Amino acid sequence: MFEIRWRRRALDDLSRIFLWLSDNGHADANRVIMRIRLAAESLARLGDIGRPSRVRGVRELSVRTAPYVIAYVVDGSTIDIPAVYHTAQQR
């Protein structure tokens, strides 16, 4: 089992996502954030299930039920999450 470590930027990304959804009339902003967090928690059990990113050493996990991607790095028994972004977002 891996330990999940959210980086400050990823937590800021979650806050921005929540605020954007809330400000734009999405009643399920909390549910979207929960889906992103649950997808990240699946990494604790399954580890390296995402695809390689364009950035060397970084992997990406698509959130199936929301248009977001979790960027992560496997470092021994720890999974670092440096960013979360919308699939239409310029990276």
N, C-alpha and C. Protein backbone atom coordinates (compact mmCIF):
# COMPACT_ATOMS: atom_id res chain seq x y z
N MET A 1 0.85 -1.19 0.00
CA MET A 1 0.00 0.00 0.00
C MET A 1 0.89 1.25 0.00
N PHE A 2 0.50 2.21 -0.80
CA PHE A 2 1.26 3.46 -0.92
C PHE A 2 0.67 4.54 -0.03
N GLU A 3 1.53 5.43 0.42
CA GLU A 3 1.08 6.62 1.15
C GLU A 3 0.86 7.72 0.11
N ILE A 4 -0.28 8.41 0.19
CA ILE A 4 -0.59 9.51 -0.72
C ILE A 4 -0.16 10.81 -0.06
N ARG A 5 0.61 11.61 -0.80
CA ARG A 5 1.06 12.91 -0.28
C ARG A 5 0.62 14.00 -1.27
N TRP A 6 -0.31 14.83 -0.84
CA TRP A 6 -0.79 15.94 -1.66
C TRP A 6 0.16 17.12 -1.50
N ARG A 7 0.66 17.62 -2.59
CA ARG A 7 1.51 18.82 -2.57
C ARG A 7 0.63 20.06 -2.48
N ARG A 8 1.19 21.14 -2.01
CA ARG A 8 0.46 22.39 -1.81
C ARG A 8 -0.25 22.83 -3.10
N ARG A 9 0.46 22.74 -4.23
CA ARG A 9 -0.13 23.17 -5.49
C ARG A 9 -1.37 22.33 -5.83
N ALA A 10 -1.32 21.02 -5.60
CA ALA A 10 -2.46 20.16 -5.89
C ALA A 10 -3.66 20.52 -5.01
N LEU A 11 -3.40 20.82 -3.76
CA LEU A 11 -4.48 21.25 -2.86
C LEU A 11 -5.07 22.59 -3.32
N ASP A 12 -4.19 23.47 -3.78
CA ASP A 12 -4.66 24.75 -4.35
C ASP A 12 -5.49 24.50 -5.60
N ASP A 13 -5.07 23.52 -6.41
CA ASP A 13 -5.85 23.17 -7.61
C ASP A 13 -7.25 22.72 -7.22
N LEU A 14 -7.35 21.88 -6.19
CA LEU A 14 -8.66 21.42 -5.74
C LEU A 14 -9.53 22.59 -5.28
N SER A 15 -8.93 23.53 -4.58
CA SER A 15 -9.68 24.71 -4.14
C SER A 15 -10.16 25.53 -5.33
N ARG A 16 -9.29 25.73 -6.32
CA ARG A 16 -9.68 26.49 -7.51
C ARG A 16 -10.79 25.78 -8.28
N ILE A 17 -10.69 24.47 -8.40
CA ILE A 17 -11.72 23.69 -9.08
C ILE A 17 -13.06 23.87 -8.36
N PHE A 18 -13.04 23.72 -7.04
CA PHE A 18 -14.26 23.86 -6.26
C PHE A 18 -14.86 25.25 -6.43
N LEU A 19 -14.04 26.28 -6.33
CA LEU A 19 -14.53 27.65 -6.46
C LEU A 19 -15.09 27.90 -7.85
N TRP A 20 -14.41 27.42 -8.88
CA TRP A 20 -14.89 27.62 -10.25
C TRP A 20 -16.23 26.94 -10.44
N LEU A 21 -16.35 25.68 -9.99
CA LEU A 21 -17.61 24.97 -10.14
C LEU A 21 -18.73 25.66 -9.37
N SER A 22 -18.44 26.07 -8.15
CA SER A 22 -19.44 26.74 -7.32
C SER A 22 -19.88 28.06 -7.94
N ASP A 23 -18.92 28.85 -8.41
CA ASP A 23 -19.21 30.16 -9.00
C ASP A 23 -19.96 30.05 -10.31
N ASN A 24 -19.86 28.92 -10.98
CA ASN A 24 -20.50 28.75 -12.28
C ASN A 24 -21.75 27.89 -12.22
N GLY A 25 -22.34 27.80 -11.03
CA GLY A 25 -23.64 27.18 -10.88
C GLY A 25 -23.68 25.67 -10.86
N HIS A 26 -22.55 25.03 -10.64
CA HIS A 26 -22.54 23.57 -10.53
C HIS A 26 -22.89 23.18 -9.10
N ALA A 27 -24.06 22.63 -8.92
CA ALA A 27 -24.53 22.28 -7.58
C ALA A 27 -23.74 21.13 -6.97
N ASP A 28 -23.05 20.37 -7.80
CA ASP A 28 -22.35 19.19 -7.31
C ASP A 28 -20.84 19.41 -7.16
N ALA A 29 -20.41 20.62 -6.84
CA ALA A 29 -18.97 20.91 -6.70
C ALA A 29 -18.33 20.02 -5.65
N ASN A 30 -19.01 19.81 -4.53
CA ASN A 30 -18.46 18.92 -3.49
C ASN A 30 -18.30 17.49 -4.01
N ARG A 31 -19.25 17.05 -4.80
CA ARG A 31 -19.20 15.69 -5.33
C ARG A 31 -18.02 15.52 -6.31
N VAL A 32 -17.75 16.53 -7.12
CA VAL A 32 -16.64 16.47 -8.05
C VAL A 32 -15.32 16.36 -7.28
N ILE A 33 -15.16 17.19 -6.26
CA ILE A 33 -13.94 17.13 -5.44
C ILE A 33 -13.81 15.76 -4.79
N MET A 34 -14.92 15.21 -4.32
CA MET A 34 -14.89 13.88 -3.70
C MET A 34 -14.47 12.83 -4.72
N ARG A 35 -14.94 12.95 -5.94
CA ARG A 35 -14.55 11.99 -6.99
C ARG A 35 -13.06 12.07 -7.29
N ILE A 36 -12.53 13.29 -7.33
CA ILE A 36 -11.10 13.45 -7.56
C ILE A 36 -10.30 12.82 -6.42
N ARG A 37 -10.72 13.09 -5.19
CA ARG A 37 -10.02 12.52 -4.02
C ARG A 37 -10.12 11.00 -3.99
N LEU A 38 -11.27 10.44 -4.34
CA LEU A 38 -11.42 8.98 -4.37
C LEU A 38 -10.53 8.35 -5.45
N ALA A 39 -10.43 9.01 -6.59
CA ALA A 39 -9.53 8.50 -7.64
C ALA A 39 -8.09 8.51 -7.14
N ALA A 40 -7.70 9.58 -6.44
CA ALA A 40 -6.34 9.65 -5.89
C ALA A 40 -6.12 8.56 -4.84
N GLU A 41 -7.12 8.30 -4.03
CA GLU A 41 -7.00 7.25 -3.02
C GLU A 41 -6.86 5.87 -3.64
N SER A 42 -7.40 5.68 -4.85
CA SER A 42 -7.24 4.38 -5.52
C SER A 42 -5.77 4.12 -5.83
N LEU A 43 -4.99 5.19 -5.97
CA LEU A 43 -3.55 5.02 -6.18
C LEU A 43 -2.88 4.39 -4.97
N ALA A 44 -3.41 4.63 -3.78
CA ALA A 44 -2.83 4.04 -2.56
C ALA A 44 -2.89 2.52 -2.62
N ARG A 45 -3.96 2.00 -3.22
CA ARG A 45 -4.12 0.55 -3.32
C ARG A 45 -3.48 -0.03 -4.57
N LEU A 46 -3.59 0.70 -5.67
CA LEU A 46 -3.22 0.13 -6.96
C LEU A 46 -1.91 0.65 -7.52
N GLY A 47 -1.39 1.72 -6.95
CA GLY A 47 -0.08 2.22 -7.36
C GLY A 47 -0.04 2.82 -8.75
N ASP A 48 0.74 2.20 -9.58
CA ASP A 48 1.09 2.74 -10.89
C ASP A 48 0.04 2.46 -11.96
N ILE A 49 -1.21 2.86 -11.75
CA ILE A 49 -2.27 2.52 -12.70
C ILE A 49 -2.47 3.55 -13.80
N GLY A 50 -1.89 4.72 -13.66
CA GLY A 50 -2.06 5.77 -14.65
C GLY A 50 -1.15 5.59 -15.85
N ARG A 51 -1.24 6.54 -16.74
CA ARG A 51 -0.42 6.51 -17.96
C ARG A 51 0.79 7.45 -17.79
N PRO A 52 1.84 7.22 -18.55
CA PRO A 52 2.98 8.14 -18.49
C PRO A 52 2.57 9.53 -18.99
N SER A 53 3.11 10.53 -18.37
CA SER A 53 2.87 11.92 -18.76
C SER A 53 3.90 12.35 -19.79
N ARG A 54 3.73 13.55 -20.31
CA ARG A 54 4.75 14.11 -21.20
C ARG A 54 6.00 14.49 -20.41
N VAL A 55 5.83 14.67 -19.11
CA VAL A 55 6.94 15.03 -18.24
C VAL A 55 7.56 13.75 -17.70
N ARG A 56 8.85 13.61 -17.88
CA ARG A 56 9.54 12.39 -17.46
C ARG A 56 9.37 12.14 -15.96
N GLY A 57 9.00 10.91 -15.60
CA GLY A 57 8.84 10.52 -14.22
C GLY A 57 7.47 10.82 -13.63
N VAL A 58 6.65 11.51 -14.37
CA VAL A 58 5.29 11.86 -13.90
C VAL A 58 4.29 10.98 -14.63
N ARG A 59 3.29 10.53 -13.90
CA ARG A 59 2.21 9.74 -14.46
C ARG A 59 0.91 10.52 -14.29
N GLU A 60 -0.11 10.13 -15.04
CA GLU A 60 -1.40 10.80 -14.98
C GLU A 60 -2.51 9.77 -14.80
N LEU A 61 -3.44 10.12 -13.94
CA LEU A 61 -4.62 9.28 -13.73
C LEU A 61 -5.85 10.09 -14.08
N SER A 62 -6.61 9.61 -15.06
CA SER A 62 -7.86 10.28 -15.42
C SER A 62 -8.92 9.93 -14.38
N VAL A 63 -9.69 10.93 -14.01
CA VAL A 63 -10.81 10.72 -13.10
C VAL A 63 -11.99 10.32 -13.98
N ARG A 64 -12.43 9.10 -13.87
CA ARG A 64 -13.45 8.56 -14.79
C ARG A 64 -14.75 9.34 -14.78
N THR A 65 -15.18 9.79 -13.64
CA THR A 65 -16.50 10.40 -13.53
C THR A 65 -16.47 11.92 -13.56
N ALA A 66 -15.33 12.49 -13.89
CA ALA A 66 -15.19 13.94 -13.98
C ALA A 66 -14.05 14.25 -14.96
N PRO A 67 -14.11 15.39 -15.64
CA PRO A 67 -13.09 15.69 -16.65
C PRO A 67 -11.80 16.26 -16.06
N TYR A 68 -11.20 15.53 -15.13
CA TYR A 68 -9.98 15.98 -14.47
C TYR A 68 -8.92 14.90 -14.52
N VAL A 69 -7.67 15.34 -14.41
CA VAL A 69 -6.52 14.44 -14.42
C VAL A 69 -5.67 14.74 -13.20
N ILE A 70 -5.22 13.68 -12.55
CA ILE A 70 -4.34 13.79 -11.38
C ILE A 70 -2.93 13.46 -11.85
N ALA A 71 -2.01 14.40 -11.69
CA ALA A 71 -0.60 14.15 -11.98
C ALA A 71 0.02 13.58 -10.71
N TYR A 72 0.86 12.54 -10.87
CA TYR A 72 1.47 11.96 -9.69
C TYR A 72 2.83 11.36 -10.00
N VAL A 73 3.62 11.21 -8.94
CA VAL A 73 4.96 10.63 -9.04
C VAL A 73 5.06 9.53 -7.99
N VAL A 74 5.49 8.35 -8.42
CA VAL A 74 5.70 7.25 -7.48
C VAL A 74 7.14 7.36 -6.99
N ASP A 75 7.29 7.43 -5.67
CA ASP A 75 8.61 7.56 -5.05
C ASP A 75 8.69 6.54 -3.92
N GLY A 76 9.16 5.34 -4.25
CA GLY A 76 9.22 4.28 -3.25
C GLY A 76 7.82 3.87 -2.84
N SER A 77 7.50 4.03 -1.57
CA SER A 77 6.17 3.66 -1.08
C SER A 77 5.26 4.87 -0.96
N THR A 78 5.66 5.99 -1.56
CA THR A 78 4.88 7.22 -1.50
C THR A 78 4.45 7.64 -2.89
N ILE A 79 3.24 8.14 -3.00
CA ILE A 79 2.76 8.74 -4.24
C ILE A 79 2.56 10.22 -3.97
N ASP A 80 3.36 11.04 -4.66
CA ASP A 80 3.24 12.49 -4.55
C ASP A 80 2.29 12.98 -5.63
N ILE A 81 1.37 13.84 -5.23
CA ILE A 81 0.44 14.44 -6.18
C ILE A 81 0.76 15.93 -6.27
N PRO A 82 1.44 16.35 -7.36
CA PRO A 82 1.81 17.75 -7.49
C PRO A 82 0.75 18.63 -8.13
N ALA A 83 -0.21 18.04 -8.87
CA ALA A 83 -1.18 18.87 -9.58
C ALA A 83 -2.42 18.08 -9.96
N VAL A 84 -3.52 18.82 -10.10
CA VAL A 84 -4.78 18.29 -10.63
C VAL A 84 -5.25 19.32 -11.65
N TYR A 85 -5.67 18.86 -12.82
CA TYR A 85 -6.09 19.81 -13.84
C TYR A 85 -7.25 19.27 -14.67
N HIS A 86 -7.97 20.20 -15.29
CA HIS A 86 -9.08 19.87 -16.18
C HIS A 86 -8.51 19.36 -17.50
N THR A 87 -9.19 18.43 -18.12
CA THR A 87 -8.68 17.85 -19.36
C THR A 87 -8.55 18.87 -20.49
N ALA A 88 -9.32 19.95 -20.45
CA ALA A 88 -9.22 20.99 -21.49
C ALA A 88 -8.20 22.06 -21.16
N GLN A 89 -7.61 21.95 -19.99
CA GLN A 89 -6.64 22.96 -19.53
C GLN A 89 -5.32 22.81 -20.25
N GLN A 90 -4.72 23.93 -20.59
CA GLN A 90 -3.38 23.94 -21.19
C GLN A 90 -2.37 23.57 -20.11
N ARG A 91 -1.52 22.56 -20.36
CA ARG A 91 -0.57 22.14 -19.34
C ARG A 91 0.83 22.57 -19.71
